[in-house]
Amino acid sequence: MVSLRQLFLQHQAQTSDFPLMIEVEKAEGIYMYGSDGHRYIDLISGIGVSNVGHRHPKVLRAIHDQLDRYMHLMVYGEFVQGPQVQLAQALCSTLPPRLNNVYLLNSGTEAVEGAMKLAKRYTGRTEFVSCRNAYHGSTQGALSVNGSENFKNAFRPLLPDVRIISHGAIPDLEQITSRTAAIIIETVQGEAGVRVPEISYMQQLRARCTEVGALLILDEIQTGFGRTGSFWAFEQFGIEPDILLCAKGMGGGMPIGAFVAPQEIMAVFKNDPILGHLTTFGGHPVSCAASLATLQTIYEENLLESVVQKAALFRELLVHPRIKGIRNQGLMMAAEFESFEVLKAVIDQAIRNGVLTDWFLFCDNSMRIAPPLTITEEQIREACRIILTSIDEALA
């Protein structure tokens, strides 16, 4: 009989020569279970997705309830569908009053694409500004505003009229001008290895956009839904975006994304041309039901209140001569090692010992730590103990 591993390698498209090849049979809470019975602590939440853990009971119940009603009905935006409307209202209730209109999609990169179209259409401008080492997705428009030339060069030509500046560098803000449709920026840079800007930078960024009439697009695809200790990371910087992007943690494990903007901005999609942005499966009712349950769970279980304390416990416990430092905003963390080779050896040993971590696309000497927000102090202690043991074993 052909094994699943063989089928995976023969028929499923690969994106690297060294996939992890873990065959998962079940996942629940912070744990994944291999087909061989091996248990893994998931310290990366499926790359920022499982903020309320794997298969949270409230999310499962919402999915089951919606399956009993209906699934896909009609292309997005034509029918009044309860799960879409209720999720849109709930999202807006977490945001400043001006951000009152939600366009639901399937993923983060689709949210980026839609927001870029919206900015061009609303402003009548063509230039975008983004940051070095930014990651906004892999479709061609999103890739155009990614900040790694190594990641982009093989796929050129991409969109023209994109200017790259340094994240956190106040002098670079002068490059946002009256030609700029929008700057797209991660509130906290993720794939760059968790780079947190100064509050003064974010406030001067907001002021510069207002001054020149450029839109501020905040990418909260990784930081949203409580990852940094507030529901949205921008709340900690005293600013408001013109367009907000979210995905990953908003679905409770189901695929979904969105961009949110004021109604007067979003309205430009209705005319010249009509149906200015379309999606068939965006706002799928089952994904929307799961997302609403995820949002409600974060508040009902007070998950935001413990993020800072849990992050502090990780910092307290992850002390080792080979760890050069830890950067974080809430439970979005990067533990720095001297090199990729050292880190990769540690990651591989940690997986063998039952803890799944990862590295960052544009910071391959730092360990990604972003567990489900539901992780307990006891589970944090166990995970850190395994990581420290793995460092010693891998580097002995």
Protein backbone atom coordinates (compact mmCIF):
# COMPACT_ATOMS: atom_id res chain seq x y z
CA MET A 1 0.00 0.00 0.00
CA VAL A 2 1.29 3.49 -0.88
CA SER A 3 1.75 5.57 2.28
CA LEU A 4 0.45 9.09 2.77
CA ARG A 5 4.07 10.30 2.93
CA GLN A 6 4.74 8.83 -0.51
CA LEU A 7 1.58 10.38 -1.93
CA PHE A 8 2.56 13.71 -0.36
CA LEU A 9 5.91 13.67 -2.13
CA GLN A 10 4.58 12.34 -5.45
CA HIS A 11 1.41 14.34 -5.97
CA GLN A 12 1.31 17.38 -3.67
CA ALA A 13 3.19 20.44 -4.88
CA GLN A 14 6.26 21.15 -2.74
CA THR A 15 7.65 24.53 -1.75
CA SER A 16 11.00 23.38 -0.36
CA ASP A 17 13.36 20.41 -0.55
CA PHE A 18 13.03 19.81 3.18
CA PRO A 19 9.37 19.75 4.33
CA LEU A 20 8.84 18.82 7.97
CA MET A 21 6.95 15.67 6.92
CA ILE A 22 5.04 15.40 10.21
CA GLU A 23 1.92 13.34 9.58
CA VAL A 24 -0.75 14.72 11.91
CA GLU A 25 -3.74 12.58 12.79
CA LYS A 26 -5.44 14.87 15.31
CA ALA A 27 -5.05 18.31 16.88
CA GLU A 28 -6.68 19.80 19.95
CA GLY A 29 -5.88 22.81 22.12
CA ILE A 30 -2.14 23.49 21.91
CA TYR A 31 -1.34 19.92 20.86
CA MET A 32 -0.97 18.04 17.58
CA TYR A 33 -0.75 14.24 17.50
CA GLY A 34 1.19 12.32 14.88
CA SER A 35 0.00 9.10 13.27
CA ASP A 36 2.65 7.34 15.37
CA GLY A 37 1.09 8.71 18.56
CA HIS A 38 3.82 11.31 19.10
CA ARG A 39 2.49 14.50 20.75
CA TYR A 40 3.70 17.95 19.72
CA ILE A 41 3.20 21.24 21.54
CA ASP A 42 2.33 23.73 18.79
CA LEU A 43 4.26 26.89 19.68
CA ILE A 44 3.53 28.62 16.37
CA SER A 45 -0.27 28.24 16.11
CA GLY A 46 -0.12 27.05 12.50
CA ILE A 47 1.82 30.28 11.78
CA GLY A 48 -0.44 32.66 13.67
CA VAL A 49 -3.75 30.94 12.87
CA SER A 50 -4.87 28.96 15.93
CA ASN A 51 -5.12 31.86 18.38
CA VAL A 52 -7.85 30.06 20.34
CA GLY A 53 -6.16 26.68 19.92
CA HIS A 54 -6.89 23.79 17.62
CA ARG A 55 -10.53 22.74 17.36
CA HIS A 56 -11.87 25.02 20.07
CA PRO A 57 -15.28 23.63 21.15
CA LYS A 58 -17.08 26.93 20.54
CA VAL A 59 -15.63 27.20 17.05
CA LEU A 60 -16.56 23.59 16.26
CA ARG A 61 -20.10 24.18 17.50
CA ALA A 62 -20.47 27.25 15.28
CA ILE A 63 -19.18 25.31 12.27
CA HIS A 64 -21.58 22.43 12.90
CA ASP A 65 -24.53 24.78 13.39
CA GLN A 66 -23.79 26.58 10.12
CA LEU A 67 -23.33 23.30 8.22
CA ASP A 68 -26.87 22.41 9.22
CA ARG A 69 -28.14 25.61 7.58
CA TYR A 70 -26.24 26.24 4.34
CA MET A 71 -22.79 26.49 2.80
CA HIS A 72 -21.95 28.43 -0.37
CA LEU A 73 -24.96 30.16 -1.91
CA MET A 74 -23.91 32.97 -4.22
CA VAL A 75 -20.94 35.13 -5.22
CA TYR A 76 -19.97 37.56 -2.43
CA GLY A 77 -22.06 40.67 -1.84
CA GLU A 78 -25.34 39.68 -3.50
CA PHE A 79 -27.28 37.76 -0.86
CA VAL A 80 -27.87 38.81 2.74
CA GLN A 81 -26.18 36.01 4.67
CA GLY A 82 -26.37 35.99 8.45
CA PRO A 83 -22.83 34.74 9.15
CA GLN A 84 -21.30 37.46 6.95
CA VAL A 85 -23.39 40.28 8.34
CA GLN A 86 -22.95 39.23 11.96
CA LEU A 87 -19.19 38.87 11.58
CA ALA A 88 -18.86 42.24 9.85
CA GLN A 89 -20.81 43.94 12.65
CA ALA A 90 -18.73 42.19 15.32
CA LEU A 91 -15.46 43.19 13.65
CA CYS A 92 -16.58 46.80 13.43
CA SER A 93 -17.51 46.74 17.12
CA THR A 94 -13.83 46.15 17.96
CA LEU A 95 -12.69 49.13 15.87
CA PRO A 96 -12.87 52.92 15.89
CA PRO A 97 -16.22 54.18 14.52
CA ARG A 98 -14.66 55.35 11.24
CA LEU A 99 -13.67 51.78 10.31
CA ASN A 100 -17.20 50.60 9.65
CA ASN A 101 -17.18 48.61 6.38
CA VAL A 102 -15.82 45.09 5.92
CA TYR A 103 -14.93 43.23 2.73
CA LEU A 104 -14.63 39.50 3.49
CA LEU A 105 -12.23 37.28 1.56
CA ASN A 106 -10.47 33.91 1.78
CA SER A 107 -6.97 34.83 2.97
CA GLY A 108 -4.51 37.50 3.99
CA THR A 109 -2.91 37.90 0.59
CA GLU A 110 -6.37 38.46 -0.93
CA ALA A 111 -6.99 41.15 1.67
CA VAL A 112 -3.75 42.83 0.56
CA GLU A 113 -4.76 42.66 -3.10
CA GLY A 114 -8.20 44.12 -2.41
CA ALA A 115 -6.81 46.91 -0.25
CA MET A 116 -4.28 47.87 -2.92
CA LYS A 117 -7.00 48.10 -5.55
CA LEU A 118 -9.14 50.14 -3.17
CA ALA A 119 -6.32 52.60 -2.45
CA LYS A 120 -5.58 53.15 -6.13
CA ARG A 121 -9.24 53.60 -7.01
CA TYR A 122 -10.00 55.96 -4.12
CA THR A 123 -6.94 58.20 -4.41
CA GLY A 124 -6.45 58.08 -8.18
CA ARG A 125 -2.75 57.53 -7.50
CA THR A 126 -0.48 54.62 -8.44
CA GLU A 127 2.51 54.61 -6.08
CA PHE A 128 2.76 52.29 -3.08
CA VAL A 129 5.27 52.51 -0.27
CA SER A 130 6.24 49.46 1.76
CA CYS A 131 9.07 48.41 4.05
CA ARG A 132 12.25 46.38 3.82
CA ASN A 133 11.80 42.82 5.06
CA ALA A 134 8.02 43.19 4.96
CA TYR A 135 5.89 40.18 4.12
CA HIS A 136 2.39 40.75 2.77
CA GLY A 137 1.70 37.55 0.81
CA SER A 138 2.74 35.69 -2.32
CA THR A 139 0.31 36.71 -5.06
CA GLN A 140 1.81 39.12 -7.57
CA GLY A 141 0.40 42.36 -6.20
CA ALA A 142 1.19 41.42 -2.61
CA LEU A 143 4.61 40.16 -3.67
CA SER A 144 5.28 43.53 -5.30
CA VAL A 145 5.11 45.25 -1.90
CA ASN A 146 7.11 42.58 -0.07
CA GLY A 147 10.40 43.92 1.19
CA SER A 148 12.84 41.16 0.27
CA GLU A 149 14.46 41.41 -3.16
CA ASN A 150 15.68 37.82 -2.86
CA PHE A 151 12.09 36.68 -2.43
CA LYS A 152 10.85 38.73 -5.38
CA ASN A 153 13.52 38.65 -8.09
CA ALA A 154 12.65 35.26 -9.59
CA PHE A 155 9.11 36.48 -10.34
CA ARG A 156 9.71 39.85 -11.96
CA PRO A 157 8.30 41.87 -13.62
CA LEU A 158 5.98 42.76 -10.77
CA LEU A 159 3.90 45.89 -10.19
CA PRO A 160 5.75 49.12 -11.01
CA ASP A 161 5.74 52.25 -8.87
CA VAL A 162 6.60 50.62 -5.54
CA ARG A 163 8.98 52.43 -3.19
CA ILE A 164 10.72 50.58 -0.33
CA ILE A 165 11.64 52.34 2.92
CA SER A 166 12.98 51.16 6.27
CA HIS A 167 10.49 50.14 8.95
CA GLY A 168 10.86 52.42 11.95
CA ALA A 169 13.08 55.02 10.24
CA ILE A 170 11.49 58.45 10.70
CA PRO A 171 13.58 60.22 7.99
CA ASP A 172 12.25 57.75 5.38
CA LEU A 173 8.71 59.00 5.95
CA GLU A 174 9.55 61.94 3.67
CA GLN A 175 9.39 59.45 0.79
CA ILE A 176 5.62 59.23 1.28
CA THR A 177 4.43 62.02 -1.01
CA SER A 178 1.44 63.38 -2.88
CA ARG A 179 2.10 60.69 -5.52
CA THR A 180 1.56 57.91 -2.96
CA ALA A 181 -1.74 56.04 -3.01
CA ALA A 182 -0.92 54.24 0.22
CA ILE A 183 1.78 52.92 2.45
CA ILE A 184 1.21 49.31 3.46
CA ILE A 185 2.98 48.42 6.68
CA GLU A 186 2.88 45.70 9.33
CA THR A 187 2.07 47.23 12.69
CA VAL A 188 4.69 44.84 14.07
CA GLN A 189 6.92 43.27 11.44
CA GLY A 190 6.49 39.49 11.48
CA GLU A 191 8.74 37.70 9.01
CA ALA A 192 11.49 40.24 9.73
CA GLY A 193 11.73 38.59 13.15
CA VAL A 194 9.24 40.56 15.31
CA ARG A 195 10.39 44.15 14.88
CA VAL A 196 8.39 46.56 17.05
CA PRO A 197 8.40 50.23 16.03
CA GLU A 198 8.52 53.15 18.43
CA ILE A 199 5.19 54.79 19.22
CA SER A 200 6.56 58.11 17.95
CA TYR A 201 7.35 56.53 14.58
CA MET A 202 3.85 55.18 14.12
CA GLN A 203 2.31 58.51 15.09
CA GLN A 204 4.54 60.44 12.72
CA LEU A 205 3.70 57.92 10.00
CA ARG A 206 -0.01 58.56 10.57
CA ALA A 207 0.58 62.32 10.46
CA ARG A 208 2.61 62.11 7.26
CA CYS A 209 -0.10 60.12 5.48
CA THR A 210 -2.72 62.65 6.52
CA GLU A 211 -0.49 65.53 5.41
CA VAL A 212 0.04 64.25 1.84
CA GLY A 213 -3.32 62.50 1.36
CA ALA A 214 -1.92 58.97 1.24
CA LEU A 215 -3.87 56.13 2.82
CA LEU A 216 -2.39 54.18 5.71
CA ILE A 217 -2.91 50.44 5.27
CA LEU A 218 -2.05 48.51 8.42
CA ASP A 219 -1.34 44.83 7.88
CA GLU A 220 -2.57 43.07 11.02
CA ILE A 221 -2.76 39.66 9.39
CA GLN A 222 -0.40 38.24 12.02
CA THR A 223 -0.96 40.73 14.84
CA GLY A 224 -4.76 40.89 14.88
CA PHE A 225 -7.19 38.94 17.03
CA GLY A 226 -5.24 39.36 20.26
CA ARG A 227 -1.77 38.16 19.32
CA THR A 228 0.01 41.18 20.83
CA GLY A 229 -2.17 41.62 23.93
CA SER A 230 -4.78 44.00 22.51
CA PHE A 231 -7.34 42.87 19.96
CA TRP A 232 -5.56 44.94 17.31
CA ALA A 233 -1.90 45.87 17.69
CA PHE A 234 -2.46 49.44 16.45
CA GLU A 235 -4.41 50.17 19.65
CA GLN A 236 -1.06 50.23 21.47
CA PHE A 237 0.31 53.01 19.25
CA GLY A 238 -2.46 55.60 19.52
CA ILE A 239 -3.26 55.68 15.80
CA GLU A 240 -5.99 54.59 13.39
CA PRO A 241 -5.46 53.21 9.87
CA ASP A 242 -7.45 54.10 6.80
CA ILE A 243 -7.58 50.44 5.77
CA LEU A 244 -7.04 47.49 8.10
CA LEU A 245 -6.05 43.99 6.96
CA CYS A 246 -6.77 40.81 8.91
CA ALA A 247 -6.73 37.04 8.36
CA LYS A 248 -4.81 34.14 10.00
CA GLY A 249 -6.03 34.18 13.63
CA MET A 250 -9.51 35.44 12.74
CA GLY A 251 -10.81 32.09 11.47
CA GLY A 252 -10.19 29.78 14.41
CA GLY A 253 -8.54 27.42 11.92
CA MET A 254 -10.83 28.13 8.95
CA PRO A 255 -9.65 30.10 5.87
CA ILE A 256 -10.80 33.71 5.93
CA GLY A 257 -9.46 37.24 5.50
CA ALA A 258 -10.81 40.76 5.33
CA PHE A 259 -10.00 44.38 4.75
CA VAL A 260 -11.86 47.07 6.66
CA ALA A 261 -12.26 50.71 5.67
CA PRO A 262 -14.66 53.65 6.07
CA GLN A 263 -17.83 53.23 4.04
CA GLU A 264 -17.07 56.29 1.89
CA ILE A 265 -13.77 54.73 0.81
CA MET A 266 -15.18 51.25 0.22
CA ALA A 267 -18.03 52.70 -1.85
CA VAL A 268 -15.73 53.36 -4.83
CA PHE A 269 -16.00 49.65 -5.73
CA LYS A 270 -19.66 50.13 -6.68
CA ASN A 271 -19.24 52.27 -9.78
CA ASP A 272 -16.85 52.93 -12.69
CA PRO A 273 -16.69 49.99 -13.00
CA ILE A 274 -19.60 48.29 -11.31
CA LEU A 275 -18.48 45.25 -9.27
CA GLY A 276 -15.03 46.78 -8.81
CA HIS A 277 -13.86 43.87 -6.68
CA LEU A 278 -15.23 40.33 -6.82
CA THR A 279 -14.76 37.04 -4.99
CA THR A 280 -16.68 33.79 -5.34
CA PHE A 281 -15.86 32.14 -2.03
CA GLY A 282 -14.89 35.19 0.04
CA GLY A 283 -16.96 35.38 3.22
CA HIS A 284 -17.82 31.69 3.05
CA PRO A 285 -20.61 31.24 5.62
CA VAL A 286 -18.88 28.39 7.47
CA SER A 287 -15.65 30.39 7.77
CA CYS A 288 -17.61 33.44 8.90
CA ALA A 289 -19.40 31.43 11.59
CA ALA A 290 -16.05 30.11 12.81
CA SER A 291 -14.57 33.62 12.82
CA LEU A 292 -17.46 35.09 14.81
CA ALA A 293 -17.10 32.29 17.37
CA THR A 294 -13.35 32.96 17.55
CA LEU A 295 -13.89 36.67 18.17
CA GLN A 296 -16.49 35.96 20.85
CA THR A 297 -14.27 33.35 22.51
CA ILE A 298 -11.35 35.77 22.81
CA TYR A 299 -13.56 38.14 24.80
CA GLU A 300 -15.66 35.58 26.70
CA GLU A 301 -12.56 33.74 27.94
CA ASN A 302 -10.63 36.97 28.66
CA LEU A 303 -7.70 35.76 26.57
CA LEU A 304 -6.33 39.27 26.01
CA GLU A 305 -5.80 39.85 29.73
CA SER A 306 -3.15 37.16 30.15
CA VAL A 307 -1.07 37.69 27.00
CA VAL A 308 1.48 40.03 28.59
CA GLN A 309 1.97 37.79 31.63
CA LYS A 310 2.38 34.68 29.50
CA ALA A 311 4.92 36.43 27.30
CA ALA A 312 6.81 37.54 30.40
CA LEU A 313 6.94 33.93 31.60
CA PHE A 314 8.46 32.82 28.28
CA ARG A 315 11.09 35.56 28.61
CA GLU A 316 11.82 34.58 32.20
CA LEU A 317 12.27 30.89 31.39
CA LEU A 318 14.04 31.02 28.02
CA VAL A 319 17.45 31.95 29.36
CA HIS A 320 20.42 30.13 27.83
CA PRO A 321 23.92 31.16 26.69
CA ARG A 322 23.02 30.29 23.09
CA ILE A 323 19.95 32.56 23.11
CA LYS A 324 21.23 36.02 22.23
CA GLY A 325 18.02 37.87 23.02
CA ILE A 326 14.25 37.83 22.76
CA ARG A 327 12.05 40.35 20.94
CA ASN A 328 8.33 40.38 21.40
CA GLN A 329 5.06 42.21 21.36
CA GLY A 330 2.76 40.06 23.46
CA LEU A 331 2.81 36.43 22.34
CA MET A 332 4.47 37.30 19.05
CA MET A 333 8.05 36.40 19.93
CA ALA A 334 11.48 35.86 18.36
CA ALA A 335 14.35 34.18 20.24
CA GLU A 336 17.63 35.00 18.48
CA PHE A 337 20.47 32.52 17.96
CA GLU A 338 23.88 33.07 16.39
CA SER A 339 23.06 31.54 13.00
CA PHE A 340 20.50 29.65 10.95
CA GLU A 341 22.59 26.49 11.23
CA VAL A 342 22.48 26.61 15.02
CA LEU A 343 18.78 27.47 15.09
CA LYS A 344 17.82 24.75 12.59
CA ALA A 345 19.58 22.13 14.69
CA VAL A 346 17.65 23.31 17.75
CA ILE A 347 14.31 23.39 15.90
CA ASP A 348 14.83 19.85 14.58
CA GLN A 349 15.75 18.53 18.02
CA ALA A 350 12.80 20.32 19.63
CA ILE A 351 10.46 18.65 17.15
CA ARG A 352 11.91 15.26 18.02
CA ASN A 353 11.33 16.16 21.69
CA GLY A 354 7.74 17.22 21.08
CA VAL A 355 7.76 21.01 20.56
CA LEU A 356 7.08 22.62 17.18
CA THR A 357 8.77 25.96 16.56
CA ASP A 358 9.98 27.62 13.37
CA TRP A 359 12.17 30.36 11.89
CA PHE A 360 11.27 33.56 10.04
CA LEU A 361 11.47 34.12 6.28
CA PHE A 362 13.64 37.22 6.56
CA CYS A 363 15.29 36.47 9.90
CA ASP A 364 16.47 32.89 9.77
CA ASN A 365 18.55 33.01 12.95
CA SER A 366 15.53 33.66 15.20
CA MET A 367 13.07 31.12 16.59
CA ARG A 368 9.38 31.88 16.10
CA ILE A 369 7.30 31.52 19.27
CA ALA A 370 3.60 32.35 18.88
CA PRO A 371 1.53 29.79 20.78
CA PRO A 372 -2.24 29.70 21.01
CA LEU A 373 -3.42 32.40 23.41
CA THR A 374 -5.07 29.61 25.41
CA ILE A 375 -1.72 28.13 26.49
CA THR A 376 -1.45 27.76 30.28
CA GLU A 377 1.47 28.63 32.54
CA GLU A 378 2.09 24.95 33.17
CA GLN A 379 2.22 24.30 29.42
CA ILE A 380 4.60 27.24 28.94
CA ARG A 381 6.93 25.80 31.56
CA GLU A 382 6.87 22.40 29.86
CA ALA A 383 7.52 23.89 26.42
CA CYS A 384 10.41 26.03 27.65
CA ARG A 385 11.94 23.10 29.49
CA ILE A 386 11.89 21.08 26.26
CA ILE A 387 13.39 23.95 24.25
CA LEU A 388 16.27 24.38 26.72
CA THR A 389 16.91 20.65 26.73
CA SER A 390 16.83 20.63 22.93
CA ILE A 391 19.43 23.41 22.79
CA ASP A 392 21.80 21.39 24.95
CA GLU A 393 21.20 18.18 23.01
CA ALA A 394 21.45 19.77 19.56
CA LEU A 395 24.59 21.77 20.32
CA ALA A 396 26.41 19.35 22.60
